Amino acid sequence: MSNKKWLIVLILSTIISFILGYQLKSFLYTDTCLDMGGGMNPEGYGICVVSEPTDL
């Protein structure tokens, strides 16, 4: 019975770690994008859009 409990704990901790890591990556990517002067594409695509300066 003890082995099953450890297996469940291991599986749940792996899933939670994956979800938290994905959320951290998403936050850091958005933060970097905004630092570069860009913004997220308004059509919902998960890419960083940095516009070229128009005052050249």
Protein backbone atom coordinates (compact mmCIF):
# COMPACT_ATOMS: atom_id res chain seq x y z
CA MET A 1 0.00 0.00 0.00
CA SER A 2 2.85 2.34 0.76
CA ASN A 3 4.33 1.93 -2.75
CA LYS A 4 1.03 3.00 -4.34
CA LYS A 5 0.91 6.15 -2.23
CA TRP A 6 4.47 7.09 -3.24
CA LEU A 7 3.66 6.46 -6.89
CA ILE A 8 0.58 8.71 -6.71
CA VAL A 9 2.59 11.43 -4.96
CA LEU A 10 5.30 11.17 -7.62
CA ILE A 11 2.82 11.40 -10.49
CA LEU A 12 0.94 14.34 -8.96
CA SER A 13 4.13 16.25 -8.17
CA THR A 14 5.35 15.70 -11.74
CA ILE A 15 2.10 17.05 -13.18
CA ILE A 16 2.07 20.05 -10.85
CA SER A 17 5.72 20.82 -11.63
CA PHE A 18 5.01 20.72 -15.36
CA ILE A 19 2.03 23.07 -15.06
CA LEU A 20 3.90 25.54 -12.85
CA GLY A 21 6.92 25.49 -15.18
CA TYR A 22 4.72 26.18 -18.19
CA GLN A 23 3.07 29.12 -16.42
CA LEU A 24 6.47 30.54 -15.43
CA LYS A 25 7.73 30.23 -19.02
CA SER A 26 4.63 32.02 -20.30
CA PHE A 27 5.06 34.85 -17.77
CA LEU A 28 8.75 35.32 -18.54
CA TYR A 29 8.15 35.27 -22.32
CA THR A 30 5.46 37.96 -22.06
CA ASP A 31 7.65 40.04 -19.75
CA THR A 32 10.61 39.85 -22.18
CA CYS A 33 8.36 40.74 -25.09
CA LEU A 34 7.08 43.85 -23.33
CA ASP A 35 10.63 44.84 -22.32
CA MET A 36 11.63 44.78 -26.00
CA GLY A 37 8.82 47.21 -26.81
CA GLY A 38 6.50 44.67 -28.35
CA GLY A 39 3.09 43.38 -27.60
CA MET A 40 1.08 40.26 -28.09
CA ASN A 41 -0.65 39.84 -31.42
CA PRO A 42 -4.28 40.94 -31.01
CA GLU A 43 -5.56 38.02 -33.09
CA GLY A 44 -4.69 35.67 -30.25
CA TYR A 45 -1.52 34.17 -31.65
CA GLY A 46 1.10 33.48 -28.99
CA ILE A 47 3.90 35.40 -30.65
CA CYS A 48 5.70 38.61 -29.76
CA VAL A 49 5.16 41.43 -32.24
CA VAL A 50 7.76 44.19 -32.21
CA SER A 51 7.00 47.00 -34.63
CA GLU A 52 9.76 48.78 -36.51
CA PRO A 53 10.32 52.45 -35.67
CA THR A 54 8.69 54.78 -38.16
CA ASP A 55 10.92 57.81 -37.50
CA LEU A 56 13.98 56.65 -39.42
